[in-house]
C-alpha atoms as a PDB file:
ATOM      1  CA  MET A   1     -16.108 -35.071  16.663  1.00  0.00           C
ATOM      2  CA  THR A   2     -14.632 -31.490  17.338  1.00  0.00           C
ATOM      3  CA  MET A   3     -14.117 -30.047  20.714  1.00  0.00           C
ATOM      4  CA  ALA A   4     -15.720 -26.562  21.288  1.00  0.00           C
ATOM      5  CA  PRO A   5     -13.020 -24.233  21.168  1.00  0.00           C
ATOM      6  CA  TYR A   6     -11.255 -23.543  24.691  1.00  0.00           C
ATOM      7  CA  MET A   7      -8.136 -21.847  26.216  1.00  0.00           C
ATOM      8  CA  ARG A   8      -6.921 -22.217  29.628  1.00  0.00           C
ATOM      9  CA  LEU A   9      -3.687 -21.570  31.314  1.00  0.00           C
ATOM     10  CA  ARG A  10      -2.336 -24.986  32.016  1.00  0.00           C
ATOM     11  CA  GLN A  11       1.188 -24.469  33.366  1.00  0.00           C
ATOM     12  CA  ILE A  12       3.734 -21.862  34.207  1.00  0.00           C
ATOM     13  CA  CYS A  13       7.448 -22.817  33.871  1.00  0.00           C
ATOM     14  CA  LEU A  14      10.260 -20.949  35.899  1.00  0.00           C
ATOM     15  CA  VAL A  15      14.032 -21.455  35.262  1.00  0.00           C
ATOM     16  CA  ALA A  16      16.505 -21.683  38.173  1.00  0.00           C
ATOM     17  CA  PRO A  17      20.041 -22.077  38.610  1.00  0.00           C
ATOM     18  CA  GLN A  18      19.884 -24.979  41.021  1.00  0.00           C
ATOM     19  CA  LEU A  19      16.473 -26.957  41.221  1.00  0.00           C
ATOM     20  CA  ALA A  20      16.523 -28.373  44.620  1.00  0.00           C
ATOM     21  CA  PRO A  21      16.509 -25.018  46.677  1.00  0.00           C
ATOM     22  CA  VAL A  22      13.770 -23.615  44.757  1.00  0.00           C
ATOM     23  CA  ILE A  23      11.767 -26.733  44.722  1.00  0.00           C
ATOM     24  CA  SER A  24      12.088 -26.951  48.435  1.00  0.00           C
ATOM     25  CA  ASP A  25      11.135 -23.418  49.187  1.00  0.00           C
ATOM     26  CA  ILE A  26       7.852 -23.470  46.983  1.00  0.00           C
ATOM     27  CA  THR A  27       6.718 -26.966  48.398  1.00  0.00           C
ATOM     28  CA  GLU A  28       7.439 -25.778  52.050  1.00  0.00           C
ATOM     29  CA  ILE A  29       6.399 -21.990  51.936  1.00  0.00           C
ATOM     30  CA  MET A  30       3.269 -22.814  49.784  1.00  0.00           C
ATOM     31  CA  GLY A  31       2.314 -26.114  51.299  1.00  0.00           C
ATOM     32  CA  LEU A  32       2.320 -27.806  47.918  1.00  0.00           C
ATOM     33  CA  ALA A  33       3.805 -31.160  46.691  1.00  0.00           C
ATOM     34  CA  VAL A  34       6.034 -32.248  43.477  1.00  0.00           C
ATOM     35  CA  CYS A  35       3.628 -34.449  41.259  1.00  0.00           C
ATOM     36  CA  TYR A  36       6.491 -35.630  38.633  1.00  0.00           C
ATOM     37  CA  ARG A  37      10.137 -35.219  37.749  1.00  0.00           C
ATOM     38  CA  ASP A  38      10.568 -36.040  33.786  1.00  0.00           C
ATOM     39  CA  GLY A  39      13.526 -37.851  32.735  1.00  0.00           C
ATOM     40  CA  ASN A  40      12.893 -36.920  29.230  1.00  0.00           C
ATOM     41  CA  VAL A  41      14.168 -33.236  29.951  1.00  0.00           C
ATOM     42  CA  ALA A  42      17.763 -34.686  30.276  1.00  0.00           C
ATOM     43  CA  LYS A  43      18.357 -34.750  26.738  1.00  0.00           C
ATOM     44  CA  TYR A  44      18.027 -30.938  26.617  1.00  0.00           C
ATOM     45  CA  GLY A  45      20.597 -30.665  29.377  1.00  0.00           C
ATOM     46  CA  LEU A  46      17.733 -29.907  31.890  1.00  0.00           C
ATOM     47  CA  GLU A  47      16.197 -31.337  35.188  1.00  0.00           C
ATOM     48  CA  ASN A  48      12.759 -30.544  36.319  1.00  0.00           C
ATOM     49  CA  ALA A  49       9.986 -31.068  38.793  1.00  0.00           C
ATOM     50  CA  LEU A  50       6.326 -30.013  38.524  1.00  0.00           C
ATOM     51  CA  ILE A  51       3.855 -29.118  41.177  1.00  0.00           C
ATOM     52  CA  PRO A  52       0.133 -28.747  40.868  1.00  0.00           C
ATOM     53  CA  VAL A  53      -1.697 -25.558  42.123  1.00  0.00           C
ATOM     54  CA  ASP A  54      -5.227 -26.844  41.986  1.00  0.00           C
ATOM     55  CA  THR A  55      -5.088 -27.653  38.310  1.00  0.00           C
ATOM     56  CA  ILE A  56      -2.529 -25.419  36.970  1.00  0.00           C
ATOM     57  CA  MET A  57       1.139 -26.766  37.002  1.00  0.00           C
ATOM     58  CA  LEU A  58       3.953 -24.802  38.393  1.00  0.00           C
ATOM     59  CA  GLU A  59       7.228 -26.245  36.580  1.00  0.00           C
ATOM     60  CA  VAL A  60      10.731 -25.440  37.463  1.00  0.00           C
ATOM     61  CA  VAL A  61      13.548 -26.506  35.136  1.00  0.00           C
ATOM     62  CA  ALA A  62      17.366 -25.977  35.964  1.00  0.00           C
ATOM     63  CA  PRO A  63      20.204 -26.482  33.536  1.00  0.00           C
ATOM     64  CA  PHE A  64      22.979 -29.221  34.595  1.00  0.00           C
ATOM     65  CA  LYS A  65      25.271 -28.499  31.764  1.00  0.00           C
ATOM     66  CA  GLY A  66      26.345 -25.454  29.548  1.00  0.00           C
ATOM     67  CA  GLY A  67      24.642 -24.604  26.152  1.00  0.00           C
ATOM     68  CA  THR A  68      20.908 -24.940  27.104  1.00  0.00           C
ATOM     69  CA  THR A  69      18.247 -22.508  26.011  1.00  0.00           C
ATOM     70  CA  ALA A  70      17.278 -22.223  29.776  1.00  0.00           C
ATOM     71  CA  GLY A  71      20.925 -21.463  30.641  1.00  0.00           C
ATOM     72  CA  ARG A  72      21.247 -18.675  27.997  1.00  0.00           C
ATOM     73  CA  PHE A  73      17.659 -17.426  29.323  1.00  0.00           C
ATOM     74  CA  ILE A  74      19.059 -17.017  32.875  1.00  0.00           C
ATOM     75  CA  GLU A  75      22.348 -15.275  31.634  1.00  0.00           C
ATOM     76  CA  LYS A  76      19.865 -12.677  29.453  1.00  0.00           C
ATOM     77  CA  THR A  77      17.654 -11.793  32.118  1.00  0.00           C
ATOM     78  CA  GLY A  78      20.128 -11.959  35.116  1.00  0.00           C
ATOM     79  CA  GLY A  79      17.980 -14.610  36.406  1.00  0.00           C
ATOM     80  CA  ARG A  80      14.898 -12.452  36.447  1.00  0.00           C
ATOM     81  CA  GLY A  81      11.254 -13.597  35.035  1.00  0.00           C
ATOM     82  CA  GLY A  82       9.389 -16.604  34.196  1.00  0.00           C
ATOM     83  CA  TYR A  83      10.375 -18.919  31.266  1.00  0.00           C
ATOM     84  CA  MET A  84       7.276 -20.162  29.689  1.00  0.00           C
ATOM     85  CA  ALA A  85       3.384 -19.792  29.722  1.00  0.00           C
ATOM     86  CA  ILE A  86       1.729 -22.999  28.621  1.00  0.00           C
ATOM     87  CA  PHE A  87      -1.838 -23.004  27.588  1.00  0.00           C
ATOM     88  CA  CYS A  88      -4.135 -25.928  26.671  1.00  0.00           C
ATOM     89  CA  CYS A  89      -6.596 -25.629  23.902  1.00  0.00           C
ATOM     90  CA  ASN A  90      -8.419 -27.830  21.210  1.00  0.00           C
ATOM     91  CA  ASP A  91      -6.188 -26.697  18.364  1.00  0.00           C
ATOM     92  CA  PRO A  92      -2.560 -26.238  19.098  1.00  0.00           C
ATOM     93  CA  ASP A  93      -1.301 -26.429  15.510  1.00  0.00           C
ATOM     94  CA  GLU A  94      -4.081 -23.989  14.260  1.00  0.00           C
ATOM     95  CA  ARG A  95      -2.955 -21.587  16.889  1.00  0.00           C
ATOM     96  CA  GLY A  96       0.672 -22.101  15.929  1.00  0.00           C
ATOM     97  CA  ARG A  97      -0.147 -21.321  12.350  1.00  0.00           C
ATOM     98  CA  HIS A  98      -2.003 -18.214  13.361  1.00  0.00           C
ATOM     99  CA  ALA A  99       0.905 -16.879  15.365  1.00  0.00           C
ATOM    100  CA  ASN A 100       3.283 -17.796  12.444  1.00  0.00           C
ATOM    101  CA  ALA A 101       0.993 -15.590  10.345  1.00  0.00           C
ATOM    102  CA  MET A 102       1.486 -12.873  12.665  1.00  0.00           C
ATOM    103  CA  GLY A 103       5.289 -13.308  12.345  1.00  0.00           C
ATOM    104  CA  VAL A 104       5.879 -15.208  15.374  1.00  0.00           C
ATOM    105  CA  ARG A 105       8.012 -18.278  14.610  1.00  0.00           C
ATOM    106  CA  THR A 106       7.434 -21.816  16.063  1.00  0.00           C
ATOM    107  CA  ALA A 107      10.582 -22.836  18.107  1.00  0.00           C
ATOM    108  CA  ASN A 108       9.624 -26.316  18.841  1.00  0.00           C
ATOM    109  CA  VAL A 109       6.988 -29.020  18.331  1.00  0.00           C
ATOM    110  CA  ILE A 110       6.557 -31.760  20.765  1.00  0.00           C
ATOM    111  CA  ASP A 111       4.484 -34.712  19.733  1.00  0.00           C
ATOM    112  CA  HIS A 112       4.328 -37.402  22.481  1.00  0.00           C
ATOM    113  CA  ALA A 113       0.828 -39.045  21.673  1.00  0.00           C
ATOM    114  CA  PRO A 114      -1.648 -38.252  23.412  1.00  0.00           C
ATOM    115  CA  TYR A 115       0.187 -35.127  23.911  1.00  0.00           C
ATOM    116  CA  HIS A 116       0.819 -32.669  21.386  1.00  0.00           C
ATOM    117  CA  GLY A 117       2.567 -29.189  22.067  1.00  0.00           C
ATOM    118  CA  VAL A 118       3.495 -26.246  19.737  1.00  0.00           C
ATOM    119  CA  GLN A 119       6.211 -23.905  21.562  1.00  0.00           C
ATOM    120  CA  LEU A 120       6.693 -20.222  20.075  1.00  0.00           C
ATOM    121  CA  HIS A 121       9.817 -18.485  19.937  1.00  0.00           C
ATOM    122  CA  PRO A 122      10.333 -16.107  23.066  1.00  0.00           C
ATOM    123  CA  ARG A 123      11.915 -13.401  20.970  1.00  0.00           C
ATOM    124  CA  ASP A 124       8.852 -13.227  18.954  1.00  0.00           C
ATOM    125  CA  CYS A 125       6.547 -13.591  21.733  1.00  0.00           C
ATOM    126  CA  ARG A 126       8.093 -11.201  23.815  1.00  0.00           C
ATOM    127  CA  ALA A 127       8.816 -11.618  27.482  1.00  0.00           C
ATOM    128  CA  ALA A 128       8.357 -15.398  27.443  1.00  0.00           C
ATOM    129  CA  PHE A 129       7.768 -18.686  25.500  1.00  0.00           C
ATOM    130  CA  ILE A 130       4.171 -19.404  24.678  1.00  0.00           C
ATOM    131  CA  GLU A 131       3.205 -23.022  24.127  1.00  0.00           C
ATOM    132  CA  PHE A 132      -0.289 -24.314  23.247  1.00  0.00           C
ATOM    133  CA  ASN A 133      -0.864 -27.997  23.856  1.00  0.00           C
ATOM    134  CA  HIS A 134      -3.712 -30.645  23.755  1.00  0.00           C
ATOM    135  CA  THR A 135      -3.935 -33.987  25.181  1.00  0.00           C
ATOM    136  CA  GLU A 136      -6.270 -36.479  22.980  1.00  0.00           C
ATOM    137  CA  GLY A 137      -9.140 -37.595  25.054  1.00  0.00           C
ATOM    138  CA  SER A 138      -8.601 -35.148  28.222  1.00  0.00           C
ATOM    139  CA  ASP A 139     -10.525 -31.939  27.624  1.00  0.00           C
ATOM    140  CA  ASP A 140     -11.668 -32.550  31.325  1.00  0.00           C
ATOM    141  CA  ILE A 141      -9.102 -30.103  33.288  1.00  0.00           C
ATOM    142  CA  LEU A 142      -8.825 -32.984  35.990  1.00  0.00           C
ATOM    143  CA  GLY A 143      -8.027 -35.431  33.166  1.00  0.00           C
ATOM    144  CA  ALA A 144      -4.752 -36.859  31.935  1.00  0.00           C
ATOM    145  CA  TYR A 145      -1.925 -34.278  31.516  1.00  0.00           C
ATOM    146  CA  PRO A 146       1.207 -36.203  30.403  1.00  0.00           C
ATOM    147  CA  PRO A 147       3.937 -33.606  31.122  1.00  0.00           C
ATOM    148  CA  ALA A 148       2.632 -33.722  34.868  1.00  0.00           C
ATOM    149  CA  GLY A 149       2.877 -37.578  35.149  1.00  0.00           C
ATOM    150  CA  PRO A 150       0.669 -40.371  35.436  1.00  0.00           C
ATOM    151  CA  ASP A 151      -1.275 -39.304  38.743  1.00  0.00           C
ATOM    152  CA  TRP A 152      -0.845 -35.726  39.227  1.00  0.00           C
ATOM    153  CA  GLN A 153      -4.410 -35.183  40.644  1.00  0.00           C
ATOM    154  CA  LYS A 154      -3.205 -37.231  43.854  1.00  0.00           C
ATOM    155  CA  PHE A 155      -0.557 -34.696  44.583  1.00  0.00           C
ATOM    156  CA  VAL A 156      -3.125 -31.653  44.690  1.00  0.00           C
ATOM    157  CA  ARG A 157      -2.746 -29.862  47.897  1.00  0.00           C
ATOM    158  CA  LYS A 158      -5.275 -26.978  48.707  1.00  0.00           C
ATOM    159  CA  ASP A 159      -5.103 -26.410  52.373  1.00  0.00           C
ATOM    160  CA  VAL A 160      -2.470 -23.986  52.282  1.00  0.00           C
ATOM    161  CA  THR A 161      -2.464 -22.533  48.717  1.00  0.00           C
ATOM    162  CA  GLN A 162      -5.702 -22.539  46.817  1.00  0.00           C
ATOM    163  CA  ALA A 163      -5.216 -21.252  43.433  1.00  0.00           C
ATOM    164  CA  LEU A 164      -2.746 -19.674  40.940  1.00  0.00           C
ATOM    165  CA  THR A 165      -4.953 -16.819  39.828  1.00  0.00           C
ATOM    166  CA  GLY A 166      -2.786 -14.409  37.898  1.00  0.00           C
ATOM    167  CA  VAL A 167       0.277 -13.476  36.007  1.00  0.00           C
ATOM    168  CA  GLU A 168       1.839 -10.168  35.906  1.00  0.00           C
ATOM    169  CA  MET A 169       3.878  -9.257  32.767  1.00  0.00           C
ATOM    170  CA  GLN A 170       6.088  -6.030  32.626  1.00  0.00           C
ATOM    171  CA  SER A 171       6.913  -4.021  29.685  1.00  0.00           C
ATOM    172  CA  PRO A 172       7.816  -0.469  28.789  1.00  0.00           C
ATOM    173  CA  ASP A 173       4.684  -0.641  26.682  1.00  0.00           C
ATOM    174  CA  PRO A 174       2.371  -2.853  28.583  1.00  0.00           C
ATOM    175  CA  GLN A 175      -0.714  -2.293  26.411  1.00  0.00           C
ATOM    176  CA  GLY A 176       1.150  -2.957  23.267  1.00  0.00           C
ATOM    177  CA  LEU A 177       2.401  -6.300  24.909  1.00  0.00           C
ATOM    178  CA  ALA A 178      -1.119  -7.248  26.058  1.00  0.00           C
ATOM    179  CA  ALA A 179      -2.585  -6.758  22.699  1.00  0.00           C
ATOM    180  CA  HIS A 180       0.470  -8.775  21.151  1.00  0.00           C
ATOM    181  CA  TRP A 181      -0.207 -11.760  23.573  1.00  0.00           C
ATOM    182  CA  GLY A 182      -3.882 -11.120  23.131  1.00  0.00           C
ATOM    183  CA  ARG A 183      -3.701 -11.620  19.337  1.00  0.00           C
ATOM    184  CA  ILE A 184      -1.330 -14.801  19.809  1.00  0.00           C
ATOM    185  CA  VAL A 185      -3.427 -16.445  22.553  1.00  0.00           C
ATOM    186  CA  GLY A 186      -6.855 -15.575  20.840  1.00  0.00           C
ATOM    187  CA  VAL A 187      -8.268 -13.561  23.715  1.00  0.00           C
ATOM    188  CA  ALA A 188      -9.023 -10.011  23.410  1.00  0.00           C
ATOM    189  CA  ALA A 189      -7.064  -7.788  25.540  1.00  0.00           C
ATOM    190  CA  ASP A 190      -9.202  -5.741  27.949  1.00  0.00           C
ATOM    191  CA  GLY A 191      -6.968  -2.773  28.323  1.00  0.00           C
ATOM    192  CA  SER A 192      -3.738  -4.178  29.936  1.00  0.00           C
ATOM    193  CA  GLU A 193      -5.441  -7.464  31.091  1.00  0.00           C
ATOM    194  CA  LEU A 194      -6.091 -10.910  29.252  1.00  0.00           C
ATOM    195  CA  LYS A 195      -8.834 -12.875  31.153  1.00  0.00           C
ATOM    196  CA  LEU A 196      -8.669 -16.554  30.710  1.00  0.00           C
ATOM    197  CA  PRO A 197     -11.388 -18.903  32.333  1.00  0.00           C
ATOM    198  CA  ASN A 198      -8.980 -19.920  35.203  1.00  0.00           C
ATOM    199  CA  ALA A 199      -6.292 -16.903  35.428  1.00  0.00           C
ATOM    200  CA  THR A 200      -6.059 -13.269  34.326  1.00  0.00           C
ATOM    201  CA  PHE A 201      -2.609 -12.040  32.906  1.00  0.00           C
ATOM    202  CA  ARG A 202      -1.971  -8.442  33.788  1.00  0.00           C
ATOM    203  CA  PHE A 203       0.453  -6.091  31.920  1.00  0.00           C
ATOM    204  CA  VAL A 204       2.193  -3.295  33.821  1.00  0.00           C
ATOM    205  CA  LYS A 205       4.921  -0.901  33.368  1.00  0.00           C
ATOM    206  CA  GLY A 206       8.620  -2.243  33.684  1.00  0.00           C
ATOM    207  CA  ALA A 207      12.036  -1.590  32.381  1.00  0.00           C
ATOM    208  CA  SER A 208      12.041  -4.679  30.394  1.00  0.00           C
ATOM    209  CA  GLU A 209       9.962  -7.444  29.110  1.00  0.00           C
ATOM    210  CA  ILE A 210       9.524 -10.228  31.513  1.00  0.00           C
ATOM    211  CA  MET A 211       7.050 -12.402  33.169  1.00  0.00           C
ATOM    212  CA  SER A 212       7.328 -10.657  36.625  1.00  0.00           C
ATOM    213  CA  ALA A 213       5.076 -12.264  39.217  1.00  0.00           C
ATOM    214  CA  LEU A 214       2.569 -14.858  39.936  1.00  0.00           C
ATOM    215  CA  GLU A 215      -0.471 -14.129  41.908  1.00  0.00           C
ATOM    216  CA  PHE A 216      -1.975 -16.898  44.289  1.00  0.00           C
ATOM    217  CA  ARG A 217      -4.912 -17.137  46.717  1.00  0.00           C
ATOM    218  CA  VAL A 218      -3.863 -18.388  49.963  1.00  0.00           C
ATOM    219  CA  VAL A 219      -5.468 -19.526  53.215  1.00  0.00           C
ATOM    220  CA  ASP A 220      -3.117 -17.593  55.854  1.00  0.00           C
ATOM    221  CA  THR A 221      -1.124 -14.718  54.075  1.00  0.00           C
ATOM    222  CA  ALA A 222       0.618 -13.618  57.168  1.00  0.00           C
ATOM    223  CA  HIS A 223       1.896 -17.217  58.147  1.00  0.00           C
ATOM    224  CA  MET A 224       3.319 -17.689  54.430  1.00  0.00           C
ATOM    225  CA  LEU A 225       5.202 -14.626  54.567  1.00  0.00           C
ATOM    226  CA  HIS A 226       6.526 -15.513  57.904  1.00  0.00           C
ATOM    227  CA  VAL A 227       7.712 -18.938  56.562  1.00  0.00           C
ATOM    228  CA  ALA A 228       9.266 -17.185  53.360  1.00  0.00           C
ATOM    229  CA  ARG A 229      11.101 -14.767  55.804  1.00  0.00           C
ATOM    230  CA  SER A 230      12.367 -17.629  57.796  1.00  0.00           C
ATOM    231  CA  LYS A 231      13.844 -19.204  54.679  1.00  0.00           C
ATOM    232  CA  GLY A 232      15.846 -16.181  54.145  1.00  0.00           C
ATOM    233  CA  LEU A 233      13.746 -14.948  51.173  1.00  0.00           C
ATOM    234  CA  ALA A 234      13.120 -10.986  50.400  1.00  0.00           C
ATOM    235  CA  VAL A 235       9.673 -10.389  51.664  1.00  0.00           C
ATOM    236  CA  ALA A 236       7.906  -6.949  50.969  1.00  0.00           C
ATOM    237  CA  GLY A 237       4.338  -6.316  51.679  1.00  0.00           C
ATOM    238  CA  ASN A 238       2.212  -9.583  50.753  1.00  0.00           C
ATOM    239  CA  GLU A 239       4.882 -10.838  48.335  1.00  0.00           C
ATOM    240  CA  PHE A 240       8.526 -12.544  48.137  1.00  0.00           C
ATOM    241  CA  LEU A 241      11.028 -13.187  45.586  1.00  0.00           C
ATOM    242  CA  LEU A 242      11.378 -16.846  44.450  1.00  0.00           C
ATOM    243  CA  GLY A 243      12.632 -18.650  41.383  1.00  0.00           C
ATOM    244  CA  GLY A 244      13.045 -15.289  39.427  1.00  0.00           C
ATOM    245  CA  VAL A 245       9.657 -14.027  40.115  1.00  0.00           C
ATOM    246  CA  THR A 246       7.720 -12.451  42.668  1.00  0.00           C
ATOM    247  CA  PHE A 247       5.116 -14.616  44.425  1.00  0.00           C
ATOM    248  CA  ARG A 248       2.133 -12.284  45.343  1.00  0.00           C
ATOM    249  CA  LEU A 249      -0.221 -13.595  47.824  1.00  0.00           C
ATOM    250  CA  ALA A 250      -3.847 -12.612  48.648  1.00  0.00           C
ATOM    251  CA  ALA A 251      -6.305 -14.290  51.193  1.00  0.00           C
END
């Protein structure tokens, strides 16, 4: 039996010099909870934590030793920009081959049955890593998702933050980057936007190519900005800077 084709945003990964302060800021300001810390990433010199925002995971990774890809990413970008956009789909290998045919190299294949992931090279993707993955038998968005631990669904909190609705990407050529990501992801760019069933990627003018902001639907914007300010974060308008990206809020 083959699944009908689908493509959804599953996870955003941020990289930070230290894990604990970023995780405590996200959970306390956004009213969210950590569902999992994955001991398997230690072999890459990383520690991580995953936080469900409704059914999209927000992951933060931090290097605890030198010579990691994540550490080099922080150095290269000066700590600015999201690290990875992860999509769940029915056919990660096919999408990887399609990307390879465009000249986008595969950086890493992760095969932990029932989960299978294909990561593409950030230099070829531009702006961030793209990963495609599939978990056998859990095409339901509330189904098993092994990277988020065995019972991530129990940690979903929606009383303060309701959803991660959008991702902003910057580029000197936003339409060019939108078209490039659209071809890789298999979603036609609508001008400078890529609309997925559960989130929209917006491409805006910027000096360098980075994943610059995450957009959230929240219950009380003013209160959340107050909490962010009380934690010493840089707050401007309806947004604050955390974990290398701008958290932008809308009621």
